[in-house]
Amino acid sequence: MNKAELAARIAEKVGISKSQGDAVVATLVEIVIDTLKSGGEVTIAGFGEWSARTRAGRVGVNPQKPTEKIQIPPVRVAKFKAGKVLKESLKAQSAQRPAAQPSPQQ
């Protein structure tokens, strides 16, 4: 599902126009980004939590010249932690599917 499809589904469920649904999605994305940039966290109970973390710098290898070492600087990245309701609903869905049978070893 992409952003336009999400906006259309929201509009359909809530009973608003597609352009209003698009505005809702755009506003949500904007608020989450602004909150993470300012060092905050966004939590939607049952769904999950977004936060910003700083990934440490490290020494890497230049893929074009494997003998050359390069310094990779620290960078801020977004992190998402799934909430309990989301985790449980996905587990329940996978439990309904039959388990794959292991292949017999010869």
PDB file of N, CA and C in Angstrom:
ATOM      1  N   MET A   1       0.849  -1.168   0.000  1.00  0.00           N
ATOM      2  CA  MET A   1       0.000   0.000   0.000  1.00  0.00           C
ATOM      3  C   MET A   1       0.894   1.231   0.000  1.00  0.00           C
ATOM      4  N   ASN A   2       0.599   2.170  -0.863  1.00  0.00           N
ATOM      5  CA  ASN A   2       1.364   3.410  -0.896  1.00  0.00           C
ATOM      6  C   ASN A   2       0.562   4.547  -0.247  1.00  0.00           C
ATOM      7  N   LYS A   3       1.131   5.736  -0.269  1.00  0.00           N
ATOM      8  CA  LYS A   3       0.524   6.886   0.410  1.00  0.00           C
ATOM      9  C   LYS A   3      -0.861   7.216  -0.166  1.00  0.00           C
ATOM     10  N   ALA A   4      -0.993   7.195  -1.489  1.00  0.00           N
ATOM     11  CA  ALA A   4      -2.278   7.523  -2.122  1.00  0.00           C
ATOM     12  C   ALA A   4      -3.347   6.486  -1.767  1.00  0.00           C
ATOM     13  N   GLU A   5      -2.966   5.207  -1.746  1.00  0.00           N
ATOM     14  CA  GLU A   5      -3.916   4.160  -1.385  1.00  0.00           C
ATOM     15  C   GLU A   5      -4.334   4.278   0.077  1.00  0.00           C
ATOM     16  N   LEU A   6      -3.392   4.605   0.940  1.00  0.00           N
ATOM     17  CA  LEU A   6      -3.706   4.809   2.352  1.00  0.00           C
ATOM     18  C   LEU A   6      -4.677   5.969   2.520  1.00  0.00           C
ATOM     19  N   ALA A   7      -4.421   7.070   1.829  1.00  0.00           N
ATOM     20  CA  ALA A   7      -5.308   8.235   1.908  1.00  0.00           C
ATOM     21  C   ALA A   7      -6.709   7.887   1.417  1.00  0.00           C
ATOM     22  N   ALA A   8      -6.799   7.105   0.341  1.00  0.00           N
ATOM     23  CA  ALA A   8      -8.108   6.710  -0.192  1.00  0.00           C
ATOM     24  C   ALA A   8      -8.854   5.814   0.791  1.00  0.00           C
ATOM     25  N   ARG A   9      -8.137   4.885   1.440  1.00  0.00           N
ATOM     26  CA  ARG A   9      -8.775   3.988   2.415  1.00  0.00           C
ATOM     27  C   ARG A   9      -9.270   4.764   3.630  1.00  0.00           C
ATOM     28  N   ILE A  10      -8.468   5.731   4.085  1.00  0.00           N
ATOM     29  CA  ILE A  10      -8.887   6.567   5.224  1.00  0.00           C
ATOM     30  C   ILE A  10     -10.130   7.360   4.842  1.00  0.00           C
ATOM     31  N   ALA A  11     -10.115   7.956   3.662  1.00  0.00           N
ATOM     32  CA  ALA A  11     -11.256   8.752   3.201  1.00  0.00           C
ATOM     33  C   ALA A  11     -12.520   7.899   3.136  1.00  0.00           C
ATOM     34  N   GLU A  12     -12.382   6.681   2.630  1.00  0.00           N
ATOM     35  CA  GLU A  12     -13.522   5.770   2.511  1.00  0.00           C
ATOM     36  C   GLU A  12     -14.071   5.378   3.887  1.00  0.00           C
ATOM     37  N   LYS A  13     -13.172   5.031   4.811  1.00  0.00           N
ATOM     38  CA  LYS A  13     -13.595   4.582   6.153  1.00  0.00           C
ATOM     39  C   LYS A  13     -14.236   5.704   6.962  1.00  0.00           C
ATOM     40  N   VAL A  14     -13.658   6.913   6.854  1.00  0.00           N
ATOM     41  CA  VAL A  14     -14.126   8.025   7.684  1.00  0.00           C
ATOM     42  C   VAL A  14     -15.281   8.779   7.023  1.00  0.00           C
ATOM     43  N   GLY A  15     -15.404   8.652   5.705  1.00  0.00           N
ATOM     44  CA  GLY A  15     -16.477   9.350   5.007  1.00  0.00           C
ATOM     45  C   GLY A  15     -16.103  10.765   4.634  1.00  0.00           C
ATOM     46  N   ILE A  16     -14.862  10.961   4.222  1.00  0.00           N
ATOM     47  CA  ILE A  16     -14.395  12.273   3.769  1.00  0.00           C
ATOM     48  C   ILE A  16     -13.912  12.136   2.329  1.00  0.00           C
ATOM     49  N   SER A  17     -13.585  13.264   1.706  1.00  0.00           N
ATOM     50  CA  SER A  17     -13.116  13.213   0.319  1.00  0.00           C
ATOM     51  C   SER A  17     -11.691  12.677   0.259  1.00  0.00           C
ATOM     52  N   LYS A  18     -11.290  12.238  -0.940  1.00  0.00           N
ATOM     53  CA  LYS A  18      -9.939  11.708  -1.106  1.00  0.00           C
ATOM     54  C   LYS A  18      -8.888  12.787  -0.850  1.00  0.00           C
ATOM     55  N   SER A  19      -9.190  14.028  -1.239  1.00  0.00           N
ATOM     56  CA  SER A  19      -8.225  15.110  -0.998  1.00  0.00           C
ATOM     57  C   SER A  19      -8.080  15.378   0.500  1.00  0.00           C
ATOM     58  N   GLN A  20      -9.163  15.251   1.260  1.00  0.00           N
ATOM     59  CA  GLN A  20      -9.075  15.403   2.703  1.00  0.00           C
ATOM     60  C   GLN A  20      -8.303  14.238   3.320  1.00  0.00           C
ATOM     61  N   GLY A  21      -8.508  13.027   2.794  1.00  0.00           N
ATOM     62  CA  GLY A  21      -7.754  11.868   3.252  1.00  0.00           C
ATOM     63  C   GLY A  21      -6.271  12.047   2.991  1.00  0.00           C
ATOM     64  N   ASP A  22      -5.928  12.601   1.832  1.00  0.00           N
ATOM     65  CA  ASP A  22      -4.531  12.874   1.504  1.00  0.00           C
ATOM     66  C   ASP A  22      -3.958  13.909   2.464  1.00  0.00           C
ATOM     67  N   ALA A  23      -4.754  14.918   2.811  1.00  0.00           N
ATOM     68  CA  ALA A  23      -4.306  15.939   3.755  1.00  0.00           C
ATOM     69  C   ALA A  23      -4.059  15.336   5.139  1.00  0.00           C
ATOM     70  N   VAL A  24      -4.902  14.383   5.545  1.00  0.00           N
ATOM     71  CA  VAL A  24      -4.726  13.718   6.841  1.00  0.00           C
ATOM     72  C   VAL A  24      -3.404  12.961   6.868  1.00  0.00           C
ATOM     73  N   VAL A  25      -3.131  12.189   5.820  1.00  0.00           N
ATOM     74  CA  VAL A  25      -1.892  11.411   5.757  1.00  0.00           C
ATOM     75  C   VAL A  25      -0.683  12.342   5.715  1.00  0.00           C
ATOM     76  N   ALA A  26      -0.745  13.385   4.899  1.00  0.00           N
ATOM     77  CA  ALA A  26       0.369  14.331   4.798  1.00  0.00           C
ATOM     78  C   ALA A  26       0.628  15.015   6.137  1.00  0.00           C
ATOM     79  N   THR A  27      -0.431  15.368   6.848  1.00  0.00           N
ATOM     80  CA  THR A  27      -0.285  16.014   8.145  1.00  0.00           C
ATOM     81  C   THR A  27       0.318  15.059   9.165  1.00  0.00           C
ATOM     82  N   LEU A  28      -0.120  13.808   9.163  1.00  0.00           N
ATOM     83  CA  LEU A  28       0.444  12.806  10.071  1.00  0.00           C
ATOM     84  C   LEU A  28       1.942  12.647   9.828  1.00  0.00           C
ATOM     85  N   VAL A  29       2.329  12.503   8.583  1.00  0.00           N
ATOM     86  CA  VAL A  29       3.747  12.348   8.242  1.00  0.00           C
ATOM     87  C   VAL A  29       4.545  13.577   8.682  1.00  0.00           C
ATOM     88  N   GLU A  30       4.014  14.753   8.425  1.00  0.00           N
ATOM     89  CA  GLU A  30       4.685  16.004   8.804  1.00  0.00           C
ATOM     90  C   GLU A  30       4.872  16.097  10.315  1.00  0.00           C
ATOM     91  N   ILE A  31       3.838  15.761  11.076  1.00  0.00           N
ATOM     92  CA  ILE A  31       3.917  15.827  12.540  1.00  0.00           C
ATOM     93  C   ILE A  31       4.936  14.824  13.074  1.00  0.00           C
ATOM     94  N   VAL A  32       4.925  13.605  12.548  1.00  0.00           N
ATOM     95  CA  VAL A  32       5.884  12.587  12.998  1.00  0.00           C
ATOM     96  C   VAL A  32       7.304  13.048  12.708  1.00  0.00           C
ATOM     97  N   ILE A  33       7.564  13.549  11.507  1.00  0.00           N
ATOM     98  CA  ILE A  33       8.909  14.011  11.141  1.00  0.00           C
ATOM     99  C   ILE A  33       9.344  15.162  12.035  1.00  0.00           C
ATOM    100  N   ASP A  34       8.477  16.147  12.219  1.00  0.00           N
ATOM    101  CA  ASP A  34       8.829  17.301  13.057  1.00  0.00           C
ATOM    102  C   ASP A  34       9.120  16.876  14.498  1.00  0.00           C
ATOM    103  N   THR A  35       8.328  15.951  15.021  1.00  0.00           N
ATOM    104  CA  THR A  35       8.532  15.479  16.393  1.00  0.00           C
ATOM    105  C   THR A  35       9.859  14.745  16.529  1.00  0.00           C
ATOM    106  N   LEU A  36      10.182  13.876  15.562  1.00  0.00           N
ATOM    107  CA  LEU A  36      11.449  13.145  15.612  1.00  0.00           C
ATOM    108  C   LEU A  36      12.638  14.082  15.453  1.00  0.00           C
ATOM    109  N   LYS A  37      12.510  15.081  14.595  1.00  0.00           N
ATOM    110  CA  LYS A  37      13.601  16.046  14.404  1.00  0.00           C
ATOM    111  C   LYS A  37      13.879  16.829  15.675  1.00  0.00           C
ATOM    112  N   SER A  38      12.840  17.080  16.468  1.00  0.00           N
ATOM    113  CA  SER A  38      13.020  17.849  17.705  1.00  0.00           C
ATOM    114  C   SER A  38      13.425  16.957  18.875  1.00  0.00           C
ATOM    115  N   GLY A  39      13.631  15.658  18.617  1.00  0.00           N
ATOM    116  CA  GLY A  39      14.098  14.761  19.672  1.00  0.00           C
ATOM    117  C   GLY A  39      13.003  14.034  20.412  1.00  0.00           C
ATOM    118  N   GLY A  40      11.748  14.200  19.992  1.00  0.00           N
ATOM    119  CA  GLY A  40      10.638  13.533  20.673  1.00  0.00           C
ATOM    120  C   GLY A  40      10.361  12.152  20.121  1.00  0.00           C
ATOM    121  N   GLU A  41       9.349  11.529  20.675  1.00  0.00           N
ATOM    122  CA  GLU A  41       8.885  10.215  20.229  1.00  0.00           C
ATOM    123  C   GLU A  41       7.404  10.315  19.927  1.00  0.00           C
ATOM    124  N   VAL A  42       6.936   9.476  19.005  1.00  0.00           N
ATOM    125  CA  VAL A  42       5.514   9.417  18.674  1.00  0.00           C
ATOM    126  C   VAL A  42       5.039   8.007  18.993  1.00  0.00           C
ATOM    127  N   THR A  43       4.039   7.907  19.868  1.00  0.00           N
ATOM    128  CA  THR A  43       3.514   6.607  20.272  1.00  0.00           C
ATOM    129  C   THR A  43       2.035   6.536  19.951  1.00  0.00           C
ATOM    130  N   ILE A  44       1.647   5.480  19.244  1.00  0.00           N
ATOM    131  CA  ILE A  44       0.233   5.196  19.001  1.00  0.00           C
ATOM    132  C   ILE A  44      -0.033   3.888  19.727  1.00  0.00           C
ATOM    133  N   ALA A  45      -0.791   3.979  20.814  1.00  0.00           N
ATOM    134  CA  ALA A  45      -1.021   2.818  21.679  1.00  0.00           C
ATOM    135  C   ALA A  45      -1.517   1.630  20.867  1.00  0.00           C
ATOM    136  N   GLY A  46      -0.875   0.490  21.067  1.00  0.00           N
ATOM    137  CA  GLY A  46      -1.254  -0.734  20.381  1.00  0.00           C
ATOM    138  C   GLY A  46      -0.612  -0.895  19.022  1.00  0.00           C
ATOM    139  N   PHE A  47      -0.272   0.214  18.361  1.00  0.00           N
ATOM    140  CA  PHE A  47       0.309   0.146  17.022  1.00  0.00           C
ATOM    141  C   PHE A  47       1.822   0.162  17.068  1.00  0.00           C
ATOM    142  N   GLY A  48       2.388   1.190  17.716  1.00  0.00           N
ATOM    143  CA  GLY A  48       3.837   1.233  17.800  1.00  0.00           C
ATOM    144  C   GLY A  48       4.374   2.594  18.182  1.00  0.00           C
ATOM    145  N   GLU A  49       5.693   2.678  18.165  1.00  0.00           N
ATOM    146  CA  GLU A  49       6.391   3.889  18.601  1.00  0.00           C
ATOM    147  C   GLU A  49       7.516   4.220  17.635  1.00  0.00           C
ATOM    148  N   TRP A  50       7.556   5.478  17.201  1.00  0.00           N
ATOM    149  CA  TRP A  50       8.650   5.976  16.384  1.00  0.00           C
ATOM    150  C   TRP A  50       9.569   6.792  17.267  1.00  0.00           C
ATOM    151  N   SER A  51      10.865   6.640  17.051  1.00  0.00           N
ATOM    152  CA  SER A  51      11.846   7.454  17.775  1.00  0.00           C
ATOM    153  C   SER A  51      13.036   7.684  16.858  1.00  0.00           C
ATOM    154  N   ALA A  52      13.863   8.662  17.209  1.00  0.00           N
ATOM    155  CA  ALA A  52      15.072   8.956  16.445  1.00  0.00           C
ATOM    156  C   ALA A  52      16.267   8.550  17.292  1.00  0.00           C
ATOM    157  N   ARG A  53      17.191   7.822  16.714  1.00  0.00           N
ATOM    158  CA  ARG A  53      18.394   7.368  17.405  1.00  0.00           C
ATOM    159  C   ARG A  53      19.611   7.793  16.603  1.00  0.00           C
ATOM    160  N   THR A  54      20.726   7.944  17.295  1.00  0.00           N
ATOM    161  CA  THR A  54      21.971   8.247  16.612  1.00  0.00           C
ATOM    162  C   THR A  54      22.756   6.949  16.455  1.00  0.00           C
ATOM    163  N   ARG A  55      23.016   6.610  15.198  1.00  0.00           N
ATOM    164  CA  ARG A  55      23.825   5.421  14.917  1.00  0.00           C
ATOM    165  C   ARG A  55      25.284   5.852  14.953  1.00  0.00           C
ATOM    166  N   ALA A  56      26.103   5.143  15.695  1.00  0.00           N
ATOM    167  CA  ALA A  56      27.505   5.509  15.897  1.00  0.00           C
ATOM    168  C   ALA A  56      28.280   5.463  14.583  1.00  0.00           C
ATOM    169  N   GLY A  57      29.303   6.315  14.504  1.00  0.00           N
ATOM    170  CA  GLY A  57      30.204   6.279  13.369  1.00  0.00           C
ATOM    171  C   GLY A  57      31.057   5.023  13.427  1.00  0.00           C
ATOM    172  N   ARG A  58      31.574   4.631  12.283  1.00  0.00           N
ATOM    173  CA  ARG A  58      32.384   3.422  12.246  1.00  0.00           C
ATOM    174  C   ARG A  58      33.329   3.473  11.049  1.00  0.00           C
ATOM    175  N   VAL A  59      34.260   2.553  11.020  1.00  0.00           N
ATOM    176  CA  VAL A  59      35.174   2.433   9.894  1.00  0.00           C
ATOM    177  C   VAL A  59      34.598   1.382   8.951  1.00  0.00           C
ATOM    178  N   GLY A  60      34.501   1.744   7.679  1.00  0.00           N
ATOM    179  CA  GLY A  60      33.964   0.831   6.679  1.00  0.00           C
ATOM    180  C   GLY A  60      34.966   0.613   5.566  1.00  0.00           C
ATOM    181  N   VAL A  61      34.536  -0.092   4.533  1.00  0.00           N
ATOM    182  CA  VAL A  61      35.380  -0.392   3.383  1.00  0.00           C
ATOM    183  C   VAL A  61      34.767   0.244   2.151  1.00  0.00           C
ATOM    184  N   ASN A  62      35.604   0.900   1.358  1.00  0.00           N
ATOM    185  CA  ASN A  62      35.163   1.487   0.100  1.00  0.00           C
ATOM    186  C   ASN A  62      34.866   0.342  -0.869  1.00  0.00           C
ATOM    187  N   PRO A  63      33.605   0.194  -1.328  1.00  0.00           N
ATOM    188  CA  PRO A  63      33.283  -0.936  -2.197  1.00  0.00           C
ATOM    189  C   PRO A  63      33.998  -0.891  -3.552  1.00  0.00           C
ATOM    190  N   GLN A  64      34.409   0.302  -3.987  1.00  0.00           N
ATOM    191  CA  GLN A  64      35.131   0.407  -5.258  1.00  0.00           C
ATOM    192  C   GLN A  64      36.605   0.054  -5.100  1.00  0.00           C
ATOM    193  N   LYS A  65      37.137   0.247  -3.905  1.00  0.00           N
ATOM    194  CA  LYS A  65      38.537  -0.093  -3.611  1.00  0.00           C
ATOM    195  C   LYS A  65      38.549  -0.828  -2.273  1.00  0.00           C
ATOM    196  N   PRO A  66      38.370  -2.145  -2.276  1.00  0.00           N
ATOM    197  CA  PRO A  66      38.228  -2.902  -1.019  1.00  0.00           C
ATOM    198  C   PRO A  66      39.405  -2.777  -0.050  1.00  0.00           C
ATOM    199  N   THR A  67      40.565  -2.362  -0.526  1.00  0.00           N
ATOM    200  CA  THR A  67      41.699  -2.211   0.384  1.00  0.00           C
ATOM    201  C   THR A  67      41.671  -0.865   1.106  1.00  0.00           C
ATOM    202  N   GLU A  68      40.818   0.034   0.647  1.00  0.00           N
ATOM    203  CA  GLU A  68      40.754   1.381   1.220  1.00  0.00           C
ATOM    204  C   GLU A  68      39.701   1.455   2.324  1.00  0.00           C
ATOM    205  N   LYS A  69      40.104   1.913   3.497  1.00  0.00           N
ATOM    206  CA  LYS A  69      39.188   2.085   4.632  1.00  0.00           C
ATOM    207  C   LYS A  69      38.618   3.498   4.566  1.00  0.00           C
ATOM    208  N   ILE A  70      37.346   3.633   4.928  1.00  0.00           N
ATOM    209  CA  ILE A  70      36.713   4.948   4.984  1.00  0.00           C
ATOM    210  C   ILE A  70      36.028   5.116   6.334  1.00  0.00           C
ATOM    211  N   GLN A  71      35.916   6.363   6.761  1.00  0.00           N
ATOM    212  CA  GLN A  71      35.246   6.668   8.023  1.00  0.00           C
ATOM    213  C   GLN A  71      33.789   6.988   7.716  1.00  0.00           C
ATOM    214  N   ILE A  72      32.867   6.245   8.299  1.00  0.00           N
ATOM    215  CA  ILE A  72      31.441   6.495   8.139  1.00  0.00           C
ATOM    216  C   ILE A  72      31.002   7.303   9.360  1.00  0.00           C
ATOM    217  N   PRO A  73      30.486   8.520   9.138  1.00  0.00           N
ATOM    218  CA  PRO A  73      30.142   9.389  10.266  1.00  0.00           C
ATOM    219  C   PRO A  73      28.879   8.927  10.995  1.00  0.00           C
ATOM    220  N   PRO A  74      28.690   9.401  12.240  1.00  0.00           N
ATOM    221  CA  PRO A  74      27.440   9.100  12.953  1.00  0.00           C
ATOM    222  C   PRO A  74      26.262   9.727  12.205  1.00  0.00           C
ATOM    223  N   VAL A  75      25.113   9.097  12.300  1.00  0.00           N
ATOM    224  CA  VAL A  75      23.929   9.616  11.604  1.00  0.00           C
ATOM    225  C   VAL A  75      22.680   9.340  12.446  1.00  0.00           C
ATOM    226  N   ARG A  76      21.714  10.250  12.370  1.00  0.00           N
ATOM    227  CA  ARG A  76      20.442  10.049  13.074  1.00  0.00           C
ATOM    228  C   ARG A  76      19.513   9.267  12.166  1.00  0.00           C
ATOM    229  N   VAL A  77      18.895   8.235  12.734  1.00  0.00           N
ATOM    230  CA  VAL A  77      17.999   7.376  11.967  1.00  0.00           C
ATOM    231  C   VAL A  77      16.681   7.216  12.713  1.00  0.00           C
ATOM    232  N   ALA A  78      15.624   6.945  11.965  1.00  0.00           N
ATOM    233  CA  ALA A  78      14.322   6.687  12.566  1.00  0.00           C
ATOM    234  C   ALA A  78      14.244   5.222  12.968  1.00  0.00           C
ATOM    235  N   LYS A  79      13.596   4.974  14.085  1.00  0.00           N
ATOM    236  CA  LYS A  79      13.403   3.608  14.568  1.00  0.00           C
ATOM    237  C   LYS A  79      11.926   3.424  14.862  1.00  0.00           C
ATOM    238  N   PHE A  80      11.394   2.247  14.497  1.00  0.00           N
ATOM    239  CA  PHE A  80      10.003   1.927  14.791  1.00  0.00           C
ATOM    240  C   PHE A  80       9.966   0.662  15.630  1.00  0.00           C
ATOM    241  N   LYS A  81       9.226   0.715  16.707  1.00  0.00           N
ATOM    242  CA  LYS A  81       9.048  -0.451  17.567  1.00  0.00           C
ATOM    243  C   LYS A  81       7.568  -0.796  17.542  1.00  0.00           C
ATOM    244  N   ALA A  82       7.244  -1.994  17.074  1.00  0.00           N
ATOM    245  CA  ALA A  82       5.842  -2.423  16.960  1.00  0.00           C
ATOM    246  C   ALA A  82       5.209  -2.560  18.331  1.00  0.00           C
ATOM    247  N   GLY A  83       3.944  -2.165  18.426  1.00  0.00           N
ATOM    248  CA  GLY A  83       3.194  -2.271  19.667  1.00  0.00           C
ATOM    249  C   GLY A  83       2.621  -3.664  19.872  1.00  0.00           C
ATOM    250  N   LYS A  84       2.114  -3.908  21.068  1.00  0.00           N
ATOM    251  CA  LYS A  84       1.629  -5.227  21.461  1.00  0.00           C
ATOM    252  C   LYS A  84       0.470  -5.705  20.584  1.00  0.00           C
ATOM    253  N   VAL A  85      -0.500  -4.847  20.321  1.00  0.00           N
ATOM    254  CA  VAL A  85      -1.665  -5.244  19.523  1.00  0.00           C
ATOM    255  C   VAL A  85      -1.232  -5.609  18.102  1.00  0.00           C
ATOM    256  N   LEU A  86      -0.335  -4.828  17.509  1.00  0.00           N
ATOM    257  CA  LEU A  86       0.164  -5.118  16.168  1.00  0.00           C
ATOM    258  C   LEU A  86       0.899  -6.451  16.139  1.00  0.00           C
ATOM    259  N   LYS A  87       1.786  -6.673  17.097  1.00  0.00           N
ATOM    260  CA  LYS A  87       2.536  -7.928  17.162  1.00  0.00           C
ATOM    261  C   LYS A  87       1.607  -9.122  17.301  1.00  0.00           C
ATOM    262  N   GLU A  88       0.649  -9.013  18.212  1.00  0.00           N
ATOM    263  CA  GLU A  88      -0.257 -10.136  18.459  1.00  0.00           C
ATOM    264  C   GLU A  88      -1.146 -10.427  17.258  1.00  0.00           C
ATOM    265  N   SER A  89      -1.591  -9.383  16.557  1.00  0.00           N
ATOM    266  CA  SER A  89      -2.451  -9.626  15.393  1.00  0.00           C
ATOM    267  C   SER A  89      -1.668 -10.300  14.271  1.00  0.00           C
ATOM    268  N   LEU A  90      -0.399  -9.960  14.111  1.00  0.00           N
ATOM    269  CA  LEU A  90       0.416 -10.610  13.091  1.00  0.00           C
ATOM    270  C   LEU A  90       0.735 -12.048  13.484  1.00  0.00           C
ATOM    271  N   LYS A  91       0.980 -12.281  14.768  1.00  0.00           N
ATOM    272  CA  LYS A  91       1.227 -13.650  15.235  1.00  0.00           C
ATOM    273  C   LYS A  91      -0.014 -14.514  15.046  1.00  0.00           C
ATOM    274  N   ALA A  92      -1.186 -13.964  15.346  1.00  0.00           N
ATOM    275  CA  ALA A  92      -2.431 -14.720  15.201  1.00  0.00           C
ATOM    276  C   ALA A  92      -2.668 -15.077  13.741  1.00  0.00           C
ATOM    277  N   GLN A  93      -2.340 -14.168  12.844  1.00  0.00           N
ATOM    278  CA  GLN A  93      -2.514 -14.428  11.420  1.00  0.00           C
ATOM    279  C   GLN A  93      -1.588 -15.547  10.958  1.00  0.00           C
ATOM    280  N   SER A  94      -0.340 -15.527  11.412  1.00  0.00           N
ATOM    281  CA  SER A  94       0.594 -16.565  10.990  1.00  0.00           C
ATOM    282  C   SER A  94       0.252 -17.907  11.633  1.00  0.00           C
ATOM    283  N   ALA A  95      -0.400 -17.897  12.794  1.00  0.00           N
ATOM    284  CA  ALA A  95      -0.784 -19.146  13.455  1.00  0.00           C
ATOM    285  C   ALA A  95      -1.930 -19.827  12.718  1.00  0.00           C
ATOM    286  N   GLN A  96      -2.737 -19.064  11.984  1.00  0.00           N
ATOM    287  CA  GLN A  96      -3.855 -19.625  11.242  1.00  0.00           C
ATOM    288  C   GLN A  96      -3.388 -20.355   9.987  1.00  0.00           C
ATOM    289  N   ARG A  97      -2.241 -19.993   9.461  1.00  0.00           N
ATOM    290  CA  ARG A  97      -1.696 -20.647   8.273  1.00  0.00           C
ATOM    291  C   ARG A  97      -1.054 -21.964   8.683  1.00  0.00           C
ATOM    292  N   PRO A  98      -1.182 -22.995   7.853  1.00  0.00           N
ATOM    293  CA  PRO A  98      -0.525 -24.253   8.199  1.00  0.00           C
ATOM    294  C   PRO A  98       0.988 -24.103   8.144  1.00  0.00           C
ATOM    295  N   ALA A  99       1.650 -24.733   9.078  1.00  0.00           N
ATOM    296  CA  ALA A  99       3.110 -24.663   9.139  1.00  0.00           C
ATOM    297  C   ALA A  99       3.703 -25.421   7.960  1.00  0.00           C
ATOM    298  N   ALA A 100       4.811 -24.920   7.451  1.00  0.00           N
ATOM    299  CA  ALA A 100       5.492 -25.585   6.344  1.00  0.00           C
ATOM    300  C   ALA A 100       6.066 -26.900   6.841  1.00  0.00           C
ATOM    301  N   GLN A 101       5.892 -27.934   6.072  1.00  0.00           N
ATOM    302  CA  GLN A 101       6.401 -29.247   6.447  1.00  0.00           C
ATOM    303  C   GLN A 101       7.894 -29.306   6.168  1.00  0.00           C
ATOM    304  N   PRO A 102       8.704 -29.737   7.126  1.00  0.00           N
ATOM    305  CA  PRO A 102      10.129 -29.837   6.862  1.00  0.00           C
ATOM    306  C   PRO A 102      10.401 -30.935   5.841  1.00  0.00           C
ATOM    307  N   SER A 103      11.383 -30.701   4.990  1.00  0.00           N
ATOM    308  CA  SER A 103      11.701 -31.706   3.974  1.00  0.00           C
ATOM    309  C   SER A 103      12.489 -32.848   4.638  1.00  0.00           C
ATOM    310  N   PRO A 104      12.163 -34.100   4.266  1.00  0.00           N
ATOM    311  CA  PRO A 104      12.880 -35.241   4.881  1.00  0.00           C
ATOM    312  C   PRO A 104      14.331 -35.257   4.416  1.00  0.00           C
ATOM    313  N   GLN A 105      15.213 -35.520   5.344  1.00  0.00           N
ATOM    314  CA  GLN A 105      16.634 -35.595   5.003  1.00  0.00           C
ATOM    315  C   GLN A 105      16.970 -37.003   4.588  1.00  0.00           C
ATOM    316  N   GLN A 106      17.791 -37.127   3.564  1.00  0.00           N
ATOM    317  CA  GLN A 106      18.144 -38.457   3.044  1.00  0.00           C
ATOM    318  C   GLN A 106      19.504 -38.871   3.460  1.00  0.00           C
TER     319      GLN A 106
END
